[in-house]
Protein backbone atom coordinates (compact mmCIF):
# COMPACT_ATOMS: atom_id res chain seq x y z
CA MET A 1 19.56 -33.07 2.77
CA GLN A 2 20.08 -28.80 2.39
CA LYS A 3 16.42 -27.44 2.52
CA ALA A 4 15.53 -23.91 1.77
CA GLY A 5 11.79 -22.03 1.01
CA ILE A 6 9.62 -20.05 2.17
CA GLU A 7 9.51 -19.68 6.07
CA ALA A 8 6.63 -17.11 6.02
CA ILE A 9 4.32 -15.06 3.89
CA ASN A 10 1.84 -12.55 3.72
CA PHE A 11 0.01 -10.23 1.96
CA PHE A 12 -1.22 -6.68 2.33
CA GLY A 13 -4.26 -5.34 0.26
CA GLY A 14 -4.71 -2.01 1.11
CA MET A 15 -7.47 -0.65 2.85
CA ALA A 16 -10.17 -0.26 -0.23
CA TYR A 17 -11.11 -2.12 -3.60
CA LEU A 18 -13.75 -1.64 -5.68
CA ASN A 19 -16.44 -4.21 -7.60
CA VAL A 20 -14.93 -4.19 -11.14
CA LYS A 21 -18.32 -5.45 -12.13
CA GLU A 22 -20.09 -2.11 -11.25
CA LEU A 23 -16.82 -0.54 -12.47
CA SER A 24 -17.59 -2.67 -16.30
CA ASP A 25 -21.04 -0.80 -15.99
CA TYR A 26 -19.65 2.18 -15.60
CA ARG A 27 -17.02 1.97 -18.18
CA LYS A 28 -20.00 0.77 -20.40
CA LEU A 29 -17.34 -2.10 -21.37
CA ASP A 30 -18.85 -5.66 -23.97
CA LEU A 31 -19.83 -8.24 -20.93
CA LYS A 32 -18.60 -10.43 -22.96
CA ARG A 33 -15.07 -9.06 -23.26
CA PHE A 34 -15.04 -8.26 -19.37
CA ASP A 35 -16.57 -11.63 -18.43
CA ASN A 36 -13.34 -13.29 -20.06
CA LEU A 37 -11.35 -11.56 -17.32
CA LEU A 38 -12.86 -13.45 -14.56
CA MET A 39 -12.20 -10.67 -12.23
CA LYS A 40 -14.07 -9.28 -9.09
CA GLU A 41 -13.06 -6.84 -7.01
CA LYS A 42 -9.71 -4.59 -7.69
CA SER A 43 -8.03 -3.55 -4.38
CA VAL A 44 -7.69 0.20 -4.84
CA ALA A 45 -5.40 2.22 -3.46
CA MET A 46 -5.47 5.72 -1.47
CA PRO A 47 -3.10 8.47 -1.95
CA PHE A 48 -1.61 7.83 1.54
CA GLU A 49 -0.62 4.28 0.44
CA ASP A 50 1.92 3.54 -1.52
CA PRO A 51 4.78 0.71 -3.02
CA VAL A 52 6.54 1.48 0.88
CA THR A 53 3.38 1.10 2.75
CA PHE A 54 2.01 -2.36 1.28
CA GLY A 55 5.07 -3.38 1.82
CA VAL A 56 5.78 -2.57 5.29
CA ASN A 57 2.23 -3.55 5.56
CA ALA A 58 2.46 -7.05 4.64
CA ALA A 59 5.80 -7.69 6.42
CA LYS A 60 4.89 -6.64 9.35
CA PRO A 61 3.01 -9.32 10.70
CA ILE A 62 5.64 -11.24 10.11
CA ILE A 63 8.30 -9.35 11.31
CA ASP A 64 6.67 -9.24 14.95
CA SER A 65 6.53 -13.42 15.30
CA LEU A 66 10.07 -13.32 14.65
CA SER A 67 12.08 -13.35 18.43
CA GLN A 68 15.07 -10.34 18.35
CA GLU A 69 17.79 -13.49 17.44
CA GLU A 70 15.71 -14.39 14.19
CA LYS A 71 15.21 -10.71 12.71
CA ASP A 72 18.96 -9.95 13.43
CA ARG A 73 19.77 -12.84 10.82
CA ILE A 74 17.06 -11.22 7.89
CA GLU A 75 21.08 -10.38 6.26
CA LEU A 76 19.19 -9.44 2.96
CA LEU A 77 16.29 -7.66 2.04
CA ILE A 78 15.32 -6.93 -1.65
CA THR A 79 12.15 -5.10 -3.29
CA CYS A 80 10.53 -5.79 -5.98
CA SER A 81 8.64 -3.20 -7.69
CA GLU A 82 8.00 -1.51 -11.29
CA SER A 83 6.07 1.48 -8.87
CA GLY A 84 8.78 2.90 -8.05
CA ILE A 85 9.22 6.30 -6.37
CA ASP A 86 12.61 7.55 -7.24
CA PHE A 87 14.83 6.52 -9.79
CA SER A 88 17.94 6.35 -7.45
CA LYS A 89 16.67 5.24 -3.96
CA SER A 90 15.42 2.26 -3.80
CA ILE A 91 12.15 1.48 -1.60
CA SER A 92 14.00 -0.83 0.50
CA THR A 93 15.97 1.56 2.86
CA TYR A 94 12.48 2.99 3.96
CA ILE A 95 11.19 -0.61 4.19
CA HIS A 96 14.00 -1.63 6.74
CA ASP A 97 13.75 1.60 8.50
CA TYR A 98 10.47 0.92 9.62
CA LEU A 99 10.61 -2.77 10.08
CA GLY A 100 13.22 -1.81 12.42
CA LEU A 101 15.79 -4.82 10.41
CA SER A 102 19.52 -4.90 11.75
CA ARG A 103 22.23 -2.85 10.08
CA ASN A 104 23.77 -5.27 9.09
CA CYS A 105 21.46 -5.94 6.30
CA ARG A 106 22.51 -6.23 2.27
CA MET A 107 19.35 -4.27 0.59
CA PHE A 108 18.23 -3.41 -2.87
CA GLU A 109 15.62 -2.64 -5.40
CA MET A 110 14.49 -5.36 -8.88
CA LYS A 111 12.80 -4.07 -11.75
CA ASN A 112 11.74 -6.80 -14.08
CA ALA A 113 7.60 -6.45 -14.62
CA CYS A 114 5.84 -9.26 -13.05
CA TYR A 115 8.92 -11.52 -13.35
CA ALA A 116 10.62 -9.19 -10.74
CA GLY A 117 9.58 -11.09 -7.37
CA THR A 118 10.33 -14.26 -8.71
CA ALA A 119 14.03 -12.73 -9.72
CA GLY A 120 13.91 -11.81 -6.35
CA VAL A 121 12.90 -15.17 -4.66
CA GLN A 122 15.36 -17.37 -7.02
CA MET A 123 18.34 -14.73 -5.35
CA ALA A 124 17.07 -15.09 -2.01
CA ILE A 125 16.85 -18.71 -2.38
CA ASN A 126 20.62 -19.49 -3.68
CA PHE A 127 21.64 -17.21 -1.02
CA ILE A 128 20.21 -19.88 1.81
CA LEU A 129 21.62 -22.27 -0.18
CA SER A 130 25.28 -20.89 -0.80
CA GLN A 131 25.65 -21.33 3.25
CA THR A 132 27.77 -18.25 2.95
CA SER A 133 26.12 -17.08 6.88
CA PRO A 134 24.63 -20.59 8.04
CA GLY A 135 21.39 -19.65 9.85
CA ALA A 136 20.79 -15.91 7.78
CA LYS A 137 17.45 -15.38 6.46
CA ALA A 138 15.96 -13.02 3.48
CA LEU A 139 13.21 -11.34 3.53
CA VAL A 140 11.75 -10.39 -0.22
CA ILE A 141 9.02 -7.97 -1.01
CA SER A 142 7.07 -7.61 -4.03
CA SER A 143 5.13 -4.10 -3.84
CA ASP A 144 2.92 -2.35 -6.29
CA ILE A 145 0.54 -0.22 -6.84
CA SER A 146 -1.44 0.96 -10.01
CA ARG A 147 -2.40 5.29 -10.32
CA PHE A 148 -1.73 5.37 -13.65
CA ALA A 149 -4.22 5.95 -16.44
CA MET A 150 -3.10 4.79 -20.04
CA GLU A 151 -1.13 7.05 -21.94
CA GLU A 152 -2.68 9.86 -24.34
CA GLY A 153 -2.57 8.71 -28.52
CA GLY A 154 -1.78 5.99 -30.31
CA ASP A 155 -4.46 3.97 -31.77
CA VAL A 156 -4.26 0.28 -30.92
CA LEU A 157 -2.48 1.12 -27.19
CA THR A 158 -5.28 3.88 -26.08
CA SER A 159 -8.10 1.44 -27.28
CA GLU A 160 -6.60 -1.50 -24.60
CA TRP A 161 -6.60 0.46 -21.66
CA ILE A 162 -10.20 0.56 -20.50
CA TYR A 163 -10.52 -3.35 -20.27
CA ALA A 164 -7.38 -3.40 -18.42
CA GLU A 165 -8.33 -0.92 -16.08
CA PRO A 166 -10.54 -3.56 -14.03
CA SER A 167 -7.49 -5.97 -13.68
CA VAL A 168 -4.88 -3.62 -12.39
CA GLY A 169 -4.61 -3.79 -8.40
CA ALA A 170 -2.13 -3.07 -5.37
CA GLY A 171 -0.89 -5.08 -2.83
CA ALA A 172 2.45 -6.56 -1.60
CA VAL A 173 3.21 -10.26 -0.96
CA ALA A 174 6.43 -10.55 2.27
CA ILE A 175 8.34 -13.26 1.50
CA LEU A 176 10.36 -14.77 4.46
CA ILE A 177 13.50 -17.19 2.88
CA SER A 178 15.20 -19.52 5.04
CA GLU A 179 16.72 -22.95 5.96
CA LYS A 180 13.13 -23.62 7.53
CA PRO A 181 11.15 -23.88 4.82
CA ASN A 182 7.38 -24.04 6.72
CA ILE A 183 5.58 -23.15 4.43
CA PHE A 184 6.65 -24.24 1.10
CA GLN A 185 10.02 -26.30 0.62
CA ILE A 186 11.33 -25.20 -3.00
CA ASP A 187 12.49 -28.48 -5.00
CA ILE A 188 16.20 -27.58 -5.27
CA GLY A 189 17.33 -27.59 -8.93
CA ALA A 190 14.31 -27.50 -10.17
CA ASN A 191 13.79 -24.69 -12.55
CA GLY A 192 12.96 -24.43 -16.28
CA TYR A 193 13.71 -20.42 -17.49
CA TYR A 194 12.85 -18.50 -20.31
CA GLY A 195 12.72 -15.21 -22.34
CA HIS A 196 13.50 -13.08 -25.22
CA GLU A 197 12.49 -9.97 -26.51
CA VAL A 198 8.95 -8.44 -27.10
CA PHE A 199 7.73 -5.68 -26.83
CA ASP A 200 3.53 -6.19 -24.80
CA THR A 201 3.62 -3.72 -22.09
CA CYS A 202 6.11 -0.94 -20.83
CA ARG A 203 6.18 1.72 -18.50
CA PRO A 204 7.02 4.85 -20.51
CA THR A 205 6.75 7.47 -17.53
CA PRO A 206 6.50 6.29 -14.28
CA ASP A 207 2.52 6.85 -13.55
CA SER A 208 1.36 5.71 -17.10
CA GLU A 209 1.21 2.29 -18.74
CA ALA A 210 1.10 1.64 -23.18
CA LEU A 211 0.22 -2.26 -23.64
CA ASN A 212 -0.99 -4.48 -26.17
CA SER A 213 -2.55 -7.61 -25.04
CA ASP A 214 -2.54 -10.13 -27.95
CA VAL A 215 1.01 -9.63 -27.91
CA SER A 216 1.08 -9.84 -24.32
CA LEU A 217 -1.09 -13.24 -24.40
CA MET A 218 1.15 -14.57 -26.80
CA SER A 219 4.11 -14.05 -25.17
CA PHE A 220 2.47 -15.50 -21.89
CA LEU A 221 1.52 -18.85 -23.67
CA GLU A 222 4.97 -19.20 -25.40
CA CYS A 223 7.12 -18.74 -22.31
CA PHE A 224 4.93 -20.94 -20.34
CA GLU A 225 5.17 -24.16 -22.75
CA GLU A 226 8.79 -23.28 -23.10
CA ALA A 227 9.74 -22.35 -19.28
CA PHE A 228 8.04 -26.27 -18.42
CA ALA A 229 10.08 -27.81 -21.21
CA GLU A 230 13.40 -26.33 -19.73
CA TYR A 231 11.87 -27.78 -16.90
CA CYS A 232 11.36 -30.79 -18.20
CA ARG A 233 14.95 -31.39 -19.32
CA ARG A 234 16.31 -30.73 -15.81
CA VAL A 235 14.31 -32.52 -14.31
CA ALA A 236 13.41 -36.49 -14.74
CA ASP A 237 10.16 -38.09 -15.04
CA VAL A 238 8.27 -34.69 -14.82
CA ASN A 239 4.29 -34.71 -15.84
CA PHE A 240 2.39 -31.98 -16.30
CA LYS A 241 -0.60 -32.96 -15.89
CA ASP A 242 0.29 -35.80 -12.68
CA THR A 243 3.19 -34.45 -10.91
CA PHE A 244 2.19 -31.39 -9.55
CA GLN A 245 -1.48 -31.93 -7.20
CA TYR A 246 -1.57 -27.80 -7.81
CA LEU A 247 -0.24 -24.99 -10.15
CA ALA A 248 0.29 -20.97 -8.93
CA ILE A 249 0.14 -19.30 -11.77
CA HIS A 250 0.72 -15.88 -12.88
CA THR A 251 -2.78 -14.08 -12.74
CA PRO A 252 -3.23 -10.53 -14.14
CA PHE A 253 -6.42 -11.16 -14.63
CA GLY A 254 -8.69 -14.84 -14.40
CA GLY A 255 -9.18 -15.73 -17.48
CA MET A 256 -5.07 -15.48 -18.89
CA ALA A 257 -4.33 -18.19 -16.81
CA LYS A 258 -7.23 -20.36 -17.34
CA GLY A 259 -6.30 -19.81 -21.01
CA ALA A 260 -3.20 -20.61 -20.19
CA HIS A 261 -3.68 -23.79 -18.60
CA ARG A 262 -6.40 -24.95 -21.60
CA THR A 263 -3.60 -24.36 -23.83
CA MET A 264 -1.26 -26.32 -21.92
CA MET A 265 -3.02 -29.42 -21.81
CA ARG A 266 -4.50 -29.63 -25.49
CA LYS A 267 -1.04 -29.13 -26.48
CA LEU A 268 0.79 -32.36 -24.31
CA TYR A 269 -2.48 -34.30 -24.18
CA LYS A 270 -5.55 -33.45 -26.88
CA LEU A 271 -7.60 -33.52 -23.81
CA LYS A 272 -11.72 -32.84 -24.12
CA THR A 273 -13.29 -29.41 -23.10
CA LYS A 274 -14.97 -31.34 -19.45
CA GLU A 275 -11.31 -32.66 -18.68
CA ILE A 276 -10.10 -29.75 -19.30
CA GLU A 277 -12.30 -27.90 -17.44
CA GLU A 278 -12.18 -30.57 -14.18
CA ASP A 279 -8.47 -30.53 -14.26
CA PHE A 280 -8.86 -26.39 -14.06
CA GLU A 281 -11.23 -26.28 -10.77
CA LYS A 282 -9.25 -29.48 -9.13
CA ARG A 283 -5.78 -27.66 -9.84
CA VAL A 284 -5.47 -24.61 -10.48
CA ALA A 285 -9.33 -22.47 -8.89
CA PRO A 286 -8.00 -22.86 -5.81
CA GLY A 287 -4.79 -20.29 -6.41
CA MET A 288 -7.50 -18.17 -8.56
CA THR A 289 -9.54 -17.85 -5.42
CA TYR A 290 -7.31 -14.69 -4.11
CA CYS A 291 -6.16 -13.07 -7.25
CA GLN A 292 -10.00 -12.81 -8.86
CA ARG A 293 -10.81 -9.95 -5.24
CA VAL A 294 -7.61 -7.85 -6.11
CA ALA A 295 -6.27 -8.13 -9.66
CA ASN A 296 -2.59 -8.05 -11.10
CA ILE A 297 -0.25 -6.92 -8.28
CA MET A 298 3.00 -7.38 -10.98
CA GLY A 299 5.81 -9.09 -9.47
CA GLY A 300 3.37 -10.23 -6.36
CA THR A 301 0.79 -12.03 -8.42
CA VAL A 302 2.01 -15.22 -8.65
CA TYR A 303 2.78 -15.45 -4.66
CA LEU A 304 -0.44 -14.31 -3.95
CA SER A 305 -1.76 -17.16 -5.99
CA LEU A 306 0.33 -19.07 -4.24
CA ILE A 307 -0.92 -18.03 -1.06
CA SER A 308 -4.35 -19.07 -2.62
CA THR A 309 -3.38 -22.71 -3.20
CA ILE A 310 -2.18 -23.46 -0.31
CA GLU A 311 -5.26 -22.06 1.82
CA ASN A 312 -7.87 -22.96 -0.88
CA GLY A 313 -6.09 -26.48 -1.02
CA ASP A 314 -5.83 -29.88 0.58
CA PHE A 315 -2.95 -30.51 1.84
CA ASP A 316 -4.01 -33.96 4.49
CA VAL A 317 -1.15 -35.58 2.60
CA ASN A 318 2.09 -33.05 1.28
CA LYS A 319 1.82 -32.14 -2.14
CA ARG A 320 4.22 -30.45 -4.91
CA ILE A 321 2.66 -27.41 -6.61
CA GLY A 322 4.31 -26.03 -9.64
CA CYS A 323 4.29 -22.13 -10.28
CA TYR A 324 4.49 -19.93 -12.99
CA SER A 325 5.83 -16.72 -13.17
CA TYR A 326 6.18 -14.68 -16.34
CA GLY A 327 7.07 -10.56 -16.92
CA SER A 328 6.38 -8.52 -20.05
CA GLY A 329 9.56 -7.65 -21.61
CA CYS A 330 9.76 -10.55 -21.21
CA CYS A 331 11.42 -13.68 -18.38
CA SER A 332 9.55 -16.36 -17.22
CA GLU A 333 10.26 -19.46 -15.52
CA PHE A 334 8.43 -22.44 -14.10
CA PHE A 335 9.61 -23.81 -10.52
CA SER A 336 7.99 -26.42 -8.02
CA GLY A 337 8.00 -27.06 -4.26
CA ILE A 338 6.07 -28.99 -1.29
CA VAL A 339 3.64 -27.96 1.02
CA THR A 340 2.29 -30.03 4.18
CA LYS A 341 -0.74 -29.35 6.27
CA GLU A 342 1.46 -28.26 9.09
CA GLY A 343 2.55 -25.26 6.14
CA GLN A 344 -1.09 -24.63 5.43
CA ASN A 345 -2.00 -23.94 9.15
CA ASN A 346 0.73 -21.81 9.10
CA ILE A 347 0.13 -19.63 6.39
CA ARG A 348 -3.63 -19.37 7.33
CA LYS A 349 -2.31 -17.68 11.03
CA MET A 350 -2.18 -14.63 8.43
CA LYS A 351 -5.26 -14.28 8.06
CA VAL A 352 -5.60 -13.30 4.75
CA LYS A 353 -9.08 -14.07 3.78
CA GLU A 354 -10.50 -12.29 6.72
CA HIS A 355 -8.23 -8.74 5.42
CA LEU A 356 -9.91 -8.81 1.80
CA ASP A 357 -13.24 -9.32 3.62
CA SER A 358 -12.05 -5.86 6.07
CA ARG A 359 -11.76 -4.00 2.87
CA TYR A 360 -13.81 -0.77 2.80
CA CYS A 361 -15.61 -1.38 -0.52
CA LEU A 362 -15.52 1.97 -2.81
CA SER A 363 -18.61 3.42 -4.83
CA MET A 364 -17.91 4.71 -8.18
CA ASP A 365 -17.84 8.03 -6.87
CA GLU A 366 -15.27 7.48 -4.35
CA TYR A 367 -13.35 5.38 -6.58
CA GLU A 368 -13.51 8.17 -9.46
CA ARG A 369 -12.12 11.02 -6.43
CA VAL A 370 -9.48 8.58 -5.55
CA PHE A 371 -8.66 8.57 -9.08
CA ALA A 372 -8.42 12.13 -9.22
CA LYS A 373 -6.16 12.54 -6.69
CA GLY A 374 -3.88 9.92 -8.03
CA ASN A 375 -1.78 12.47 -9.18
CA SER A 376 -0.87 14.22 -5.99
CA VAL A 377 1.43 11.92 -4.95
CA LYS A 378 2.98 11.10 -8.43
CA PHE A 379 6.13 9.97 -9.22
CA GLY A 380 8.58 12.89 -8.25
CA THR A 381 5.82 15.03 -6.57
CA ARG A 382 8.21 17.72 -4.44
CA ASN A 383 5.36 18.42 -1.36
CA THR A 384 2.11 17.38 -0.43
CA LYS A 385 0.30 16.35 2.55
CA PRO A 386 -2.29 13.65 1.40
CA ASP A 387 -5.65 13.95 2.07
CA ILE A 388 -6.21 10.95 5.02
CA GLU A 389 -10.12 11.90 5.29
CA LEU A 390 -10.29 11.97 1.16
CA ILE A 391 -12.73 8.90 1.95
CA PRO A 392 -14.05 9.04 5.36
CA GLY A 393 -15.46 5.64 5.38
CA VAL A 394 -12.35 4.54 4.24
CA ILE A 395 -10.38 5.12 7.72
CA ALA A 396 -13.39 4.85 10.06
CA ASN A 397 -13.13 0.77 8.31
CA LYS A 398 -9.60 0.57 9.53
CA PRO A 399 -8.78 -2.37 11.15
CA ASP A 400 -7.71 -2.50 14.99
CA LYS A 401 -3.97 -2.58 13.83
CA LYS A 402 -0.71 -0.49 13.24
CA LEU A 403 -0.98 0.62 9.73
CA LEU A 404 1.67 2.39 7.89
CA VAL A 405 0.85 5.25 6.10
CA LEU A 406 2.13 8.23 3.52
CA ASP A 407 1.66 11.43 5.71
CA GLU A 408 3.85 13.90 4.08
CA ILE A 409 6.07 14.74 0.68
CA LYS A 410 8.92 17.29 1.57
CA GLU A 411 11.35 18.56 -0.94
CA TYR A 412 10.89 15.09 -2.37
CA TYR A 413 11.85 13.08 0.95
CA ARG A 414 8.85 10.41 1.64
CA LYS A 415 7.70 10.85 5.81
CA TYR A 416 5.57 8.14 7.21
CA ARG A 417 3.69 7.36 10.21
CA TRP A 418 1.08 4.76 12.06
CA LEU A 419 -2.17 5.19 12.05
């Protein structure tokens, strides 16, 4: 039987984070509304970090683990991001260069809001399954940062930004797809996709975002229901409650994933609150553990949930994970795969939890300084040299390994160096 899936996967969430409870107190948010977010921390991009550095730092441990022969079989590199740095030039070329990949490699960039990561993964899976180049591998990197502020003007959109701030993060997930699904063996042909036109969020300019949270929530829920219904039409004898031992759900904030699970369980099985809560803790909560410490990283969020599920779940026997991916605008997909104990052991070698624990915790004063400096490296910046020492504690706290940082932007061209 032909196999394809995730051979290796890793996450990089930057060098710094912020306690979002401190942020909510500082912004004087309505605590009842804030509590519904179910968030704990958010990764914060420093001025010397961008989608390229995040992507390279996520992928490097995977690339370093490969032999030269295996590395040279990476024939497809897809970068997925809505945090682009150029209207034309793809960040894939920078990432390809700093990872030292073979030049006999097809590379390009995809943008489709938070669905982009899944679009890239599914394209890579189909490349492997096509057998046009037997033994080839594909590297998919979903990398996004949030350095923007809400676009001024308007009414409902502006009022929502202050509650969105705690839930927007920064990070990258690197995913190696091959015929050796050591982490996650995809259920071939088990895909339900669903999409339609909706104006729930957008980036009217490269460094700003507009959103309507009510519209977004309703679209998220509708797509979950319809994408799963399409999955059921394609796959026989599927039961949302029993077929999947775990669920990895796109998690813009924890409360959204919890609400989506609750809605599905009520609509499909008419369960009571206590039964739904027990099911949530068993099947969904393991995947929220890391998402609650990073916040929304757009296209990579569902894969951070997948990492968290595999690391924190029980895989003494093989188990199936159902994955729900949603991107504003909109497109969604429900797909699934099998994880083994060996897969769990493999993913733990990347030490994602240790990475999260090692980040520097920003004070609110430091966070405001980083926030203010974000414009110095915004989209379209012609010349600048980011201040590595803006927050001295961040560099002093750097782990004992090489990390790529943005060194300079000179006549629009971005130059990087290893720190």
